[in-house]
Each structure stands twice: as C-alpha cells, then as structure tokens.
PDB file of N, CA and C in Angstrom:
ATOM      1  N   MET A   1       8.437  15.034  20.598  1.00  0.00           N
ATOM      2  CA  MET A   1       7.389  14.552  19.720  1.00  0.00           C
ATOM      3  C   MET A   1       8.018  13.641  18.672  1.00  0.00           C
ATOM      4  N   VAL A   2       7.391  12.501  18.456  1.00  0.00           N
ATOM      5  CA  VAL A   2       7.818  11.528  17.457  1.00  0.00           C
ATOM      6  C   VAL A   2       6.789  11.541  16.327  1.00  0.00           C
ATOM      7  N   THR A   3       7.288  11.700  15.105  1.00  0.00           N
ATOM      8  CA  THR A   3       6.417  11.665  13.925  1.00  0.00           C
ATOM      9  C   THR A   3       6.765  10.449  13.102  1.00  0.00           C
ATOM     10  N   SER A   4       5.737   9.745  12.670  1.00  0.00           N
ATOM     11  CA  SER A   4       5.922   8.550  11.870  1.00  0.00           C
ATOM     12  C   SER A   4       4.947   8.569  10.697  1.00  0.00           C
ATOM     13  N   ILE A   5       5.403   8.026   9.579  1.00  0.00           N
ATOM     14  CA  ILE A   5       4.562   7.889   8.386  1.00  0.00           C
ATOM     15  C   ILE A   5       4.333   6.400   8.195  1.00  0.00           C
ATOM     16  N   ILE A   6       3.064   5.994   8.149  1.00  0.00           N
ATOM     17  CA  ILE A   6       2.734   4.578   8.015  1.00  0.00           C
ATOM     18  C   ILE A   6       2.037   4.366   6.676  1.00  0.00           C
ATOM     19  N   LEU A   7       2.648   3.555   5.820  1.00  0.00           N
ATOM     20  CA  LEU A   7       2.086   3.194   4.521  1.00  0.00           C
ATOM     21  C   LEU A   7       1.330   1.888   4.698  1.00  0.00           C
ATOM     22  N   MET A   8       0.110   1.811   4.153  1.00  0.00           N
ATOM     23  CA  MET A   8      -0.720   0.628   4.393  1.00  0.00           C
ATOM     24  C   MET A   8      -1.371   0.083   3.129  1.00  0.00           C
ATOM     25  N   LYS A   9      -1.341  -1.231   3.029  1.00  0.00           N
ATOM     26  CA  LYS A   9      -2.134  -1.937   2.024  1.00  0.00           C
ATOM     27  C   LYS A   9      -3.378  -2.445   2.743  1.00  0.00           C
ATOM     28  N   ILE A  10      -4.526  -2.179   2.141  1.00  0.00           N
ATOM     29  CA  ILE A  10      -5.814  -2.474   2.768  1.00  0.00           C
ATOM     30  C   ILE A  10      -6.626  -3.379   1.848  1.00  0.00           C
ATOM     31  N   GLN A  11      -7.440  -4.254   2.441  1.00  0.00           N
ATOM     32  CA  GLN A  11      -8.365  -5.047   1.632  1.00  0.00           C
ATOM     33  C   GLN A  11      -9.235  -4.099   0.814  1.00  0.00           C
ATOM     34  N   ARG A  12      -9.414  -4.423  -0.424  1.00  0.00           N
ATOM     35  CA  ARG A  12     -10.055  -3.516  -1.386  1.00  0.00           C
ATOM     36  C   ARG A  12     -11.392  -2.959  -0.916  1.00  0.00           C
ATOM     37  N   ASN A  13     -12.213  -3.751  -0.306  1.00  0.00           N
ATOM     38  CA  ASN A  13     -13.543  -3.295   0.107  1.00  0.00           C
ATOM     39  C   ASN A  13     -13.559  -2.642   1.489  1.00  0.00           C
ATOM     40  N   LYS A  14     -12.384  -2.428   2.095  1.00  0.00           N
ATOM     41  CA  LYS A  14     -12.329  -1.893   3.454  1.00  0.00           C
ATOM     42  C   LYS A  14     -11.575  -0.568   3.559  1.00  0.00           C
ATOM     43  N   VAL A  15     -11.179   0.032   2.456  1.00  0.00           N
ATOM     44  CA  VAL A  15     -10.337   1.226   2.509  1.00  0.00           C
ATOM     45  C   VAL A  15     -11.016   2.356   3.282  1.00  0.00           C
ATOM     46  N   ASN A  16     -12.238   2.683   2.940  1.00  0.00           N
ATOM     47  CA  ASN A  16     -12.928   3.786   3.623  1.00  0.00           C
ATOM     48  C   ASN A  16     -13.152   3.486   5.101  1.00  0.00           C
ATOM     49  N   GLU A  17     -13.546   2.278   5.393  1.00  0.00           N
ATOM     50  CA  GLU A  17     -13.806   1.879   6.783  1.00  0.00           C
ATOM     51  C   GLU A  17     -12.531   1.964   7.632  1.00  0.00           C
ATOM     52  N   VAL A  18     -11.429   1.461   7.102  1.00  0.00           N
ATOM     53  CA  VAL A  18     -10.164   1.503   7.834  1.00  0.00           C
ATOM     54  C   VAL A  18      -9.708   2.946   8.013  1.00  0.00           C
ATOM     55  N   ALA A  19      -9.817   3.759   6.970  1.00  0.00           N
ATOM     56  CA  ALA A  19      -9.405   5.162   7.061  1.00  0.00           C
ATOM     57  C   ALA A  19     -10.181   5.893   8.154  1.00  0.00           C
ATOM     58  N   GLU A  20     -11.480   5.659   8.226  1.00  0.00           N
ATOM     59  CA  GLU A  20     -12.300   6.312   9.250  1.00  0.00           C
ATOM     60  C   GLU A  20     -11.919   5.844  10.653  1.00  0.00           C
ATOM     61  N   GLN A  21     -11.626   4.560  10.797  1.00  0.00           N
ATOM     62  CA  GLN A  21     -11.193   4.057  12.108  1.00  0.00           C
ATOM     63  C   GLN A  21      -9.864   4.677  12.528  1.00  0.00           C
ATOM     64  N   LEU A  22      -8.925   4.745  11.593  1.00  0.00           N
ATOM     65  CA  LEU A  22      -7.622   5.334  11.897  1.00  0.00           C
ATOM     66  C   LEU A  22      -7.759   6.798  12.303  1.00  0.00           C
ATOM     67  N   ALA A  23      -8.586   7.532  11.576  1.00  0.00           N
ATOM     68  CA  ALA A  23      -8.773   8.955  11.861  1.00  0.00           C
ATOM     69  C   ALA A  23      -9.339   9.181  13.260  1.00  0.00           C
ATOM     70  N   GLY A  24     -10.024   8.188  13.810  1.00  0.00           N
ATOM     71  CA  GLY A  24     -10.604   8.305  15.138  1.00  0.00           C
ATOM     72  C   GLY A  24      -9.683   7.892  16.275  1.00  0.00           C
ATOM     73  N   ILE A  25      -8.495   7.431  15.952  1.00  0.00           N
ATOM     74  CA  ILE A  25      -7.553   6.975  16.984  1.00  0.00           C
ATOM     75  C   ILE A  25      -6.616   8.117  17.357  1.00  0.00           C
ATOM     76  N   GLU A  26      -6.524   8.396  18.654  1.00  0.00           N
ATOM     77  CA  GLU A  26      -5.611   9.436  19.125  1.00  0.00           C
ATOM     78  C   GLU A  26      -4.180   9.055  18.769  1.00  0.00           C
ATOM     79  N   GLY A  27      -3.471   9.987  18.200  1.00  0.00           N
ATOM     80  CA  GLY A  27      -2.103   9.743  17.751  1.00  0.00           C
ATOM     81  C   GLY A  27      -1.970   9.886  16.249  1.00  0.00           C
ATOM     82  N   PHE A  28      -3.048   9.582  15.521  1.00  0.00           N
ATOM     83  CA  PHE A  28      -3.036   9.782  14.073  1.00  0.00           C
ATOM     84  C   PHE A  28      -3.547  11.180  13.782  1.00  0.00           C
ATOM     85  N   SER A  29      -2.695  12.005  13.183  1.00  0.00           N
ATOM     86  CA  SER A  29      -3.096  13.383  12.900  1.00  0.00           C
ATOM     87  C   SER A  29      -3.708  13.531  11.515  1.00  0.00           C
ATOM     88  N   GLU A  30      -3.284  12.716  10.566  1.00  0.00           N
ATOM     89  CA  GLU A  30      -3.849  12.727   9.214  1.00  0.00           C
ATOM     90  C   GLU A  30      -3.888  11.314   8.672  1.00  0.00           C
ATOM     91  N   VAL A  31      -4.891  11.058   7.831  1.00  0.00           N
ATOM     92  CA  VAL A  31      -4.989   9.796   7.103  1.00  0.00           C
ATOM     93  C   VAL A  31      -5.375  10.153   5.676  1.00  0.00           C
ATOM     94  N   PHE A  32      -4.613   9.649   4.705  1.00  0.00           N
ATOM     95  CA  PHE A  32      -4.840   9.961   3.299  1.00  0.00           C
ATOM     96  C   PHE A  32      -5.092   8.682   2.511  1.00  0.00           C
ATOM     97  N   SER A  33      -6.069   8.691   1.618  1.00  0.00           N
ATOM     98  CA  SER A  33      -6.165   7.635   0.618  1.00  0.00           C
ATOM     99  C   SER A  33      -5.291   8.096  -0.546  1.00  0.00           C
ATOM    100  N   VAL A  34      -4.530   7.166  -1.113  1.00  0.00           N
ATOM    101  CA  VAL A  34      -3.528   7.531  -2.104  1.00  0.00           C
ATOM    102  C   VAL A  34      -3.543   6.553  -3.283  1.00  0.00           C
ATOM    103  N   THR A  35      -2.889   6.969  -4.361  1.00  0.00           N
ATOM    104  CA  THR A  35      -2.686   6.079  -5.498  1.00  0.00           C
ATOM    105  C   THR A  35      -1.316   5.434  -5.359  1.00  0.00           C
ATOM    106  N   GLY A  36      -1.077   4.409  -6.150  1.00  0.00           N
ATOM    107  CA  GLY A  36       0.236   3.770  -6.143  1.00  0.00           C
ATOM    108  C   GLY A  36       0.215   2.425  -5.454  1.00  0.00           C
ATOM    109  N   SER A  37       1.328   2.056  -4.873  1.00  0.00           N
ATOM    110  CA  SER A  37       1.503   0.731  -4.277  1.00  0.00           C
ATOM    111  C   SER A  37       0.757   0.550  -2.963  1.00  0.00           C
ATOM    112  N   TYR A  38       0.378   1.649  -2.332  1.00  0.00           N
ATOM    113  CA  TYR A  38      -0.316   1.589  -1.053  1.00  0.00           C
ATOM    114  C   TYR A  38      -1.700   2.216  -1.193  1.00  0.00           C
ATOM    115  N   ASP A  39      -2.560   1.897  -0.245  1.00  0.00           N
ATOM    116  CA  ASP A  39      -3.931   2.407  -0.269  1.00  0.00           C
ATOM    117  C   ASP A  39      -4.128   3.592   0.670  1.00  0.00           C
ATOM    118  N   LEU A  40      -3.476   3.548   1.821  1.00  0.00           N
ATOM    119  CA  LEU A  40      -3.592   4.619   2.811  1.00  0.00           C
ATOM    120  C   LEU A  40      -2.216   5.019   3.315  1.00  0.00           C
ATOM    121  N   VAL A  41      -2.084   6.299   3.643  1.00  0.00           N
ATOM    122  CA  VAL A  41      -0.906   6.817   4.324  1.00  0.00           C
ATOM    123  C   VAL A  41      -1.409   7.537   5.566  1.00  0.00           C
ATOM    124  N   ALA A  42      -0.880   7.155   6.708  1.00  0.00           N
ATOM    125  CA  ALA A  42      -1.282   7.780   7.968  1.00  0.00           C
ATOM    126  C   ALA A  42      -0.067   8.460   8.591  1.00  0.00           C
ATOM    127  N   ILE A  43      -0.297   9.638   9.128  1.00  0.00           N
ATOM    128  CA  ILE A  43       0.739  10.369   9.845  1.00  0.00           C
ATOM    129  C   ILE A  43       0.425  10.249  11.337  1.00  0.00           C
ATOM    130  N   ALA A  44       1.380   9.725  12.074  1.00  0.00           N
ATOM    131  CA  ALA A  44       1.221   9.593  13.523  1.00  0.00           C
ATOM    132  C   ALA A  44       2.139  10.590  14.204  1.00  0.00           C
ATOM    133  N   ARG A  45       1.589  11.299  15.178  1.00  0.00           N
ATOM    134  CA  ARG A  45       2.383  12.226  15.988  1.00  0.00           C
ATOM    135  C   ARG A  45       2.098  11.906  17.451  1.00  0.00           C
ATOM    136  N   VAL A  46       3.103  11.378  18.121  1.00  0.00           N
ATOM    137  CA  VAL A  46       2.945  10.942  19.509  1.00  0.00           C
ATOM    138  C   VAL A  46       4.101  11.490  20.345  1.00  0.00           C
ATOM    139  N   LYS A  47       3.970  11.372  21.673  1.00  0.00           N
ATOM    140  CA  LYS A  47       4.966  12.001  22.556  1.00  0.00           C
ATOM    141  C   LYS A  47       6.307  11.287  22.598  1.00  0.00           C
ATOM    142  N   ASP A  48       6.315   9.951  22.426  1.00  0.00           N
ATOM    143  CA  ASP A  48       7.585   9.229  22.541  1.00  0.00           C
ATOM    144  C   ASP A  48       7.517   7.896  21.800  1.00  0.00           C
ATOM    145  N   ASN A  49       8.640   7.184  21.764  1.00  0.00           N
ATOM    146  CA  ASN A  49       8.702   5.908  21.046  1.00  0.00           C
ATOM    147  C   ASN A  49       7.796   4.845  21.657  1.00  0.00           C
ATOM    148  N   ASP A  50       7.633   4.854  22.966  1.00  0.00           N
ATOM    149  CA  ASP A  50       6.731   3.892  23.604  1.00  0.00           C
ATOM    150  C   ASP A  50       5.293   4.091  23.121  1.00  0.00           C
ATOM    151  N   SER A  51       4.889   5.341  22.983  1.00  0.00           N
ATOM    152  CA  SER A  51       3.538   5.635  22.485  1.00  0.00           C
ATOM    153  C   SER A  51       3.387   5.184  21.038  1.00  0.00           C
ATOM    154  N   LEU A  52       4.432   5.368  20.247  1.00  0.00           N
ATOM    155  CA  LEU A  52       4.393   4.916  18.858  1.00  0.00           C
ATOM    156  C   LEU A  52       4.308   3.395  18.790  1.00  0.00           C
ATOM    157  N   SER A  53       5.077   2.734  19.635  1.00  0.00           N
ATOM    158  CA  SER A  53       5.043   1.278  19.679  1.00  0.00           C
ATOM    159  C   SER A  53       3.639   0.768  19.994  1.00  0.00           C
ATOM    160  N   LYS A  54       2.989   1.381  20.972  1.00  0.00           N
ATOM    161  CA  LYS A  54       1.624   0.987  21.331  1.00  0.00           C
ATOM    162  C   LYS A  54       0.667   1.226  20.177  1.00  0.00           C
ATOM    163  N   LEU A  55       0.796   2.367  19.542  1.00  0.00           N
ATOM    164  CA  LEU A  55      -0.086   2.713  18.429  1.00  0.00           C
ATOM    165  C   LEU A  55       0.044   1.701  17.289  1.00  0.00           C
ATOM    166  N   ILE A  56       1.273   1.362  16.953  1.00  0.00           N
ATOM    167  CA  ILE A  56       1.509   0.455  15.819  1.00  0.00           C
ATOM    168  C   ILE A  56       1.194  -0.988  16.171  1.00  0.00           C
ATOM    169  N   THR A  57       1.677  -1.462  17.312  1.00  0.00           N
ATOM    170  CA  THR A  57       1.524  -2.887  17.615  1.00  0.00           C
ATOM    171  C   THR A  57       0.177  -3.237  18.230  1.00  0.00           C
ATOM    172  N   ASN A  58      -0.444  -2.320  18.948  1.00  0.00           N
ATOM    173  CA  ASN A  58      -1.734  -2.628  19.575  1.00  0.00           C
ATOM    174  C   ASN A  58      -2.915  -2.105  18.762  1.00  0.00           C
ATOM    175  N   ASP A  59      -2.931  -0.799  18.522  1.00  0.00           N
ATOM    176  CA  ASP A  59      -4.101  -0.187  17.889  1.00  0.00           C
ATOM    177  C   ASP A  59      -4.292  -0.639  16.449  1.00  0.00           C
ATOM    178  N   LEU A  60      -3.224  -0.672  15.661  1.00  0.00           N
ATOM    179  CA  LEU A  60      -3.363  -1.102  14.264  1.00  0.00           C
ATOM    180  C   LEU A  60      -3.739  -2.567  14.166  1.00  0.00           C
ATOM    181  N   GLN A  61      -3.239  -3.369  15.080  1.00  0.00           N
ATOM    182  CA  GLN A  61      -3.515  -4.803  15.059  1.00  0.00           C
ATOM    183  C   GLN A  61      -5.005  -5.108  15.208  1.00  0.00           C
ATOM    184  N   ASN A  62      -5.728  -4.220  15.863  1.00  0.00           N
ATOM    185  CA  ASN A  62      -7.147  -4.446  16.108  1.00  0.00           C
ATOM    186  C   ASN A  62      -8.058  -3.984  14.979  1.00  0.00           C
ATOM    187  N   ILE A  63      -7.493  -3.435  13.909  1.00  0.00           N
ATOM    188  CA  ILE A  63      -8.312  -2.960  12.790  1.00  0.00           C
ATOM    189  C   ILE A  63      -8.321  -4.014  11.701  1.00  0.00           C
ATOM    190  N   GLU A  64      -9.489  -4.525  11.419  1.00  0.00           N
ATOM    191  CA  GLU A  64      -9.650  -5.548  10.391  1.00  0.00           C
ATOM    192  C   GLU A  64      -9.550  -4.921   9.007  1.00  0.00           C
ATOM    193  N   GLY A  65      -8.786  -5.550   8.130  1.00  0.00           N
ATOM    194  CA  GLY A  65      -8.677  -5.083   6.751  1.00  0.00           C
ATOM    195  C   GLY A  65      -7.292  -4.589   6.390  1.00  0.00           C
ATOM    196  N   ILE A  66      -6.440  -4.366   7.391  1.00  0.00           N
ATOM    197  CA  ILE A  66      -5.065  -3.951   7.098  1.00  0.00           C
ATOM    198  C   ILE A  66      -4.260  -5.203   6.759  1.00  0.00           C
ATOM    199  N   GLU A  67      -3.710  -5.225   5.550  1.00  0.00           N
ATOM    200  CA  GLU A  67      -2.961  -6.389   5.101  1.00  0.00           C
ATOM    201  C   GLU A  67      -1.468  -6.258   5.318  1.00  0.00           C
ATOM    202  N   LYS A  68      -0.936  -5.037   5.178  1.00  0.00           N
ATOM    203  CA  LYS A  68       0.503  -4.827   5.291  1.00  0.00           C
ATOM    204  C   LYS A  68       0.758  -3.380   5.666  1.00  0.00           C
ATOM    205  N   THR A  69       1.803  -3.159   6.467  1.00  0.00           N
ATOM    206  CA  THR A  69       2.215  -1.794   6.789  1.00  0.00           C
ATOM    207  C   THR A  69       3.719  -1.656   6.631  1.00  0.00           C
ATOM    208  N   ASP A  70       4.140  -0.462   6.273  1.00  0.00           N
ATOM    209  CA  ASP A  70       5.543  -0.062   6.302  1.00  0.00           C
ATOM    210  C   ASP A  70       5.583   1.225   7.118  1.00  0.00           C
ATOM    211  N   THR A  71       6.349   1.211   8.193  1.00  0.00           N
ATOM    212  CA  THR A  71       6.399   2.362   9.091  1.00  0.00           C
ATOM    213  C   THR A  71       7.742   3.052   8.970  1.00  0.00           C
ATOM    214  N   MET A  72       7.694   4.360   8.749  1.00  0.00           N
ATOM    215  CA  MET A  72       8.906   5.165   8.642  1.00  0.00           C
ATOM    216  C   MET A  72       8.916   6.183   9.775  1.00  0.00           C
ATOM    217  N   LEU A  73      10.061   6.340  10.396  1.00  0.00           N
ATOM    218  CA  LEU A  73      10.227   7.314  11.461  1.00  0.00           C
ATOM    219  C   LEU A  73      10.831   8.585  10.866  1.00  0.00           C
ATOM    220  N   ALA A  74      10.198   9.720  11.122  1.00  0.00           N
ATOM    221  CA  ALA A  74      10.698  10.994  10.602  1.00  0.00           C
ATOM    222  C   ALA A  74      11.779  11.536  11.538  1.00  0.00           C
ATOM    223  N   PHE A  75      12.888  11.974  10.959  1.00  0.00           N
ATOM    224  CA  PHE A  75      13.973  12.568  11.740  1.00  0.00           C
ATOM    225  C   PHE A  75      13.783  14.063  11.944  1.00  0.00           C
ATOM    226  N   LYS A  76      13.410  14.757  10.863  1.00  0.00           N
ATOM    227  CA  LYS A  76      13.310  16.208  10.913  1.00  0.00           C
ATOM    228  C   LYS A  76      12.228  16.667   9.954  1.00  0.00           C
ATOM    229  N   ALA A  77      11.465  17.674  10.372  1.00  0.00           N
ATOM    230  CA  ALA A  77      10.408  18.221   9.519  1.00  0.00           C
ATOM    231  C   ALA A  77      10.918  19.459   8.801  1.00  0.00           C
ATOM    232  N   TYR A  78      10.699  19.509   7.505  1.00  0.00           N
ATOM    233  CA  TYR A  78      11.068  20.662   6.701  1.00  0.00           C
ATOM    234  C   TYR A  78       9.837  21.364   6.153  1.00  0.00           C
ATOM    235  N   SER A  79       8.680  20.938   6.597  1.00  0.00           N
ATOM    236  CA  SER A  79       7.422  21.422   6.047  1.00  0.00           C
ATOM    237  C   SER A  79       7.115  22.839   6.496  1.00  0.00           C
ATOM    238  N   ARG A  80       6.801  23.690   5.550  1.00  0.00           N
ATOM    239  CA  ARG A  80       6.375  25.044   5.853  1.00  0.00           C
ATOM    240  C   ARG A  80       5.050  24.993   6.615  1.00  0.00           C
ATOM    241  N   HIS A  81       4.208  24.028   6.301  1.00  0.00           N
ATOM    242  CA  HIS A  81       2.916  23.859   6.978  1.00  0.00           C
ATOM    243  C   HIS A  81       3.106  23.721   8.482  1.00  0.00           C
ATOM    244  N   ASP A  82       4.047  22.889   8.906  1.00  0.00           N
ATOM    245  CA  ASP A  82       4.305  22.684  10.333  1.00  0.00           C
ATOM    246  C   ASP A  82       4.795  23.961  10.995  1.00  0.00           C
ATOM    247  N   LEU A  83       5.678  24.683  10.329  1.00  0.00           N
ATOM    248  CA  LEU A  83       6.199  25.923  10.892  1.00  0.00           C
ATOM    249  C   LEU A  83       5.098  26.965  11.040  1.00  0.00           C
ATOM    250  N   GLU A  84       4.234  27.093  10.029  1.00  0.00           N
ATOM    251  CA  GLU A  84       3.145  28.050  10.100  1.00  0.00           C
ATOM    252  C   GLU A  84       2.169  27.702  11.215  1.00  0.00           C
ATOM    253  N   ALA A  85       1.900  26.416  11.405  1.00  0.00           N
ATOM    254  CA  ALA A  85       0.977  25.982  12.457  1.00  0.00           C
ATOM    255  C   ALA A  85       1.532  26.309  13.843  1.00  0.00           C
ATOM    256  N   MET A  86       2.840  26.208  14.024  1.00  0.00           N
ATOM    257  CA  MET A  86       3.446  26.487  15.316  1.00  0.00           C
ATOM    258  C   MET A  86       3.256  27.961  15.721  1.00  0.00           C
ATOM    259  N   PHE A  87       3.281  28.850  14.719  1.00  0.00           N
ATOM    260  CA  PHE A  87       3.229  30.276  15.013  1.00  0.00           C
ATOM    261  C   PHE A  87       1.860  30.882  14.750  1.00  0.00           C
ATOM    262  N   ASP A  88       0.865  30.087  14.423  1.00  0.00           N
ATOM    263  CA  ASP A  88      -0.485  30.587  14.167  1.00  0.00           C
ATOM    264  C   ASP A  88      -1.146  30.932  15.500  1.00  0.00           C
ATOM    265  N   LEU A  89      -1.526  32.172  15.662  1.00  0.00           N
ATOM    266  CA  LEU A  89      -2.123  32.630  16.907  1.00  0.00           C
ATOM    267  C   LEU A  89      -3.639  32.695  16.850  1.00  0.00           C
ATOM    268  N   ASN A  90      -4.235  32.325  15.745  1.00  0.00           N
ATOM    269  CA  ASN A  90      -5.705  32.382  15.606  1.00  0.00           C
ATOM    270  C   ASN A  90      -6.378  31.265  16.327  1.00  0.00           C
TER     271      ASN A  90
END
C-alpha cells in the first residue's frame, strides 16, 4: 500500500466543489479543508506507485479549480488511528 499526502491550492470559489469531487474518487481516503498556505489536503491510499501516478496525473488533472499541488509520499505510518483500524473487529 502506498500512502500519499497531497496539498492543494484551489480557486477561491471552488474549494467545496473540488473537495466533494476528490472525496468521490477511489484512492482518496480523506479530504480536509485547512487553514494556512493550502486550501485542501487529501490523503491517497493506493496499491502501488503506478496507481498513485494515475491518480495524480490523470484524475486530478480533470478537476477544474485546482491551481497547484504538492505531493508527498509517506514512508511509514506512526498513527495510532491506523493501528486501531487494522485491529478493529467491529
């Protein structure tokens, strides 16, 4: 599994629309509106680098309103949330 964090600058009047579109694309597990230098942060979880490449270069390219992205590849997860989800039997 490949996890990536994508920081995005969005046209001011399109933040909600872009966030909803991203949330509907398979591969994006979370989308957050945030304060600071970026407007949205999306977490992508895909099976391999080829899938990530397709998600970033094809799927994001088709969404109107995205002005800039910075994509970070996660090496290791230290999140307690992820560990709890793995062992949740409910």
